[in-house]
Amino acid sequence: MLKLNNAKELVLRIVQQDPLFVVIQNTPSEEILYNDGYLAHIEETNYYSTSEVASWFEITDAMLRYYIKPFEQYIFDNATNSPNTNIRLNLPAILRLRMILLLKDEHRVKGLKLLLGIDDNGQHIKHQITATTMGTDDLANKVDVLGNVLQQMIQTGLFNILPDEEHGTLQVTINQDFLAQKIQLVSSESDLQVEEIQKETAELKLENENLQKQISELQEHSVKDIVQKIRERHIENEIVSTLRTEALQQYSIENNAGYFRKLFRSSQIEMEKEQFVLGYISKHLEERLEVALNNYYGE
């Protein structure tokens, strides 16, 4: 076991060259770093689960993982493979994570990334020098790509793109007439899909209402940690419900099958639709969930 009188020496040996320790040094947070209770019984060579570490820092496991994700390479010492869901942390990783938590309220995630030299993809900026020092040819290529995208948007007829003389920019609006025409082309299949959406939404709403009831009951008994986990599940259900609704609506517009196609390929259409919905949810869930948790925890 680690003796408390040796804790400061050990912590300094691990973090004295760390960029976040430079920020913490000579502040009240420095003493917190040396005097955390877990240091009294931690084994330097052991690895610990996120639930254990979360209990030491008096936060939920979900919140701990939320702050691990953007800083994986930093916390795990530039590991080439990101840890899977079964995350284990040794003492250096725990100390790096602890400094992030001590600084998160003052600097937020974006500020901490700047201090650590990490880009939006979680990579150290020094590893991206080649990519960020490209010549004008690369820039011109990117401009051409963006120009092609804009041209394709115009050709769809769904958007009106007009110059905004007051602000010197382009104003993009939805072509309401075009959109109305497309909506009118949606057959009775769309009505059935709307009913399906409403049914699935109602089921999810009922499940969320039950979860909300559980939250209220647990809040009355001051079971704070369990309430937060149920709330996080509630948030995820809401996002999945919203994404599923969006996906089905988009599918119904993009895949308006004819009568005979629906008659002879109904099972294949259902399979394609479900694959489309699952792909849509998979694509957008992580981003939406991160924003929702960010708002919930006051980030």
Foldseek 3Di string as FASTA:
>chain_A
DAALVCQLVVLCVLPVPPLLVVVVPPHPVSVCLSDQPVNHPADQPDWAFLCVLCVSVVHASVVLVLLCVLQQCPLVVNDPDGDDPRDIHGPSSSSVSSSCVVCCVPQNPVRVCVSQCADPVSHRVVVCVVVVPDDVVVVVVVVVVVVVVVVVVVVVVQWDWDADVVVRHIDIDGPVVVVVVLVVPQDCVVVVLVVVLVVVLVVLVVVLVVLVVVLVVVVVVVPPRVSVVSVLVSQLSVLLSVLLSVLSVVCSSVPRDDDVCCVVCVVVSVVVSVVSSVVSCVVCRVVSSSVVVCVVVVD
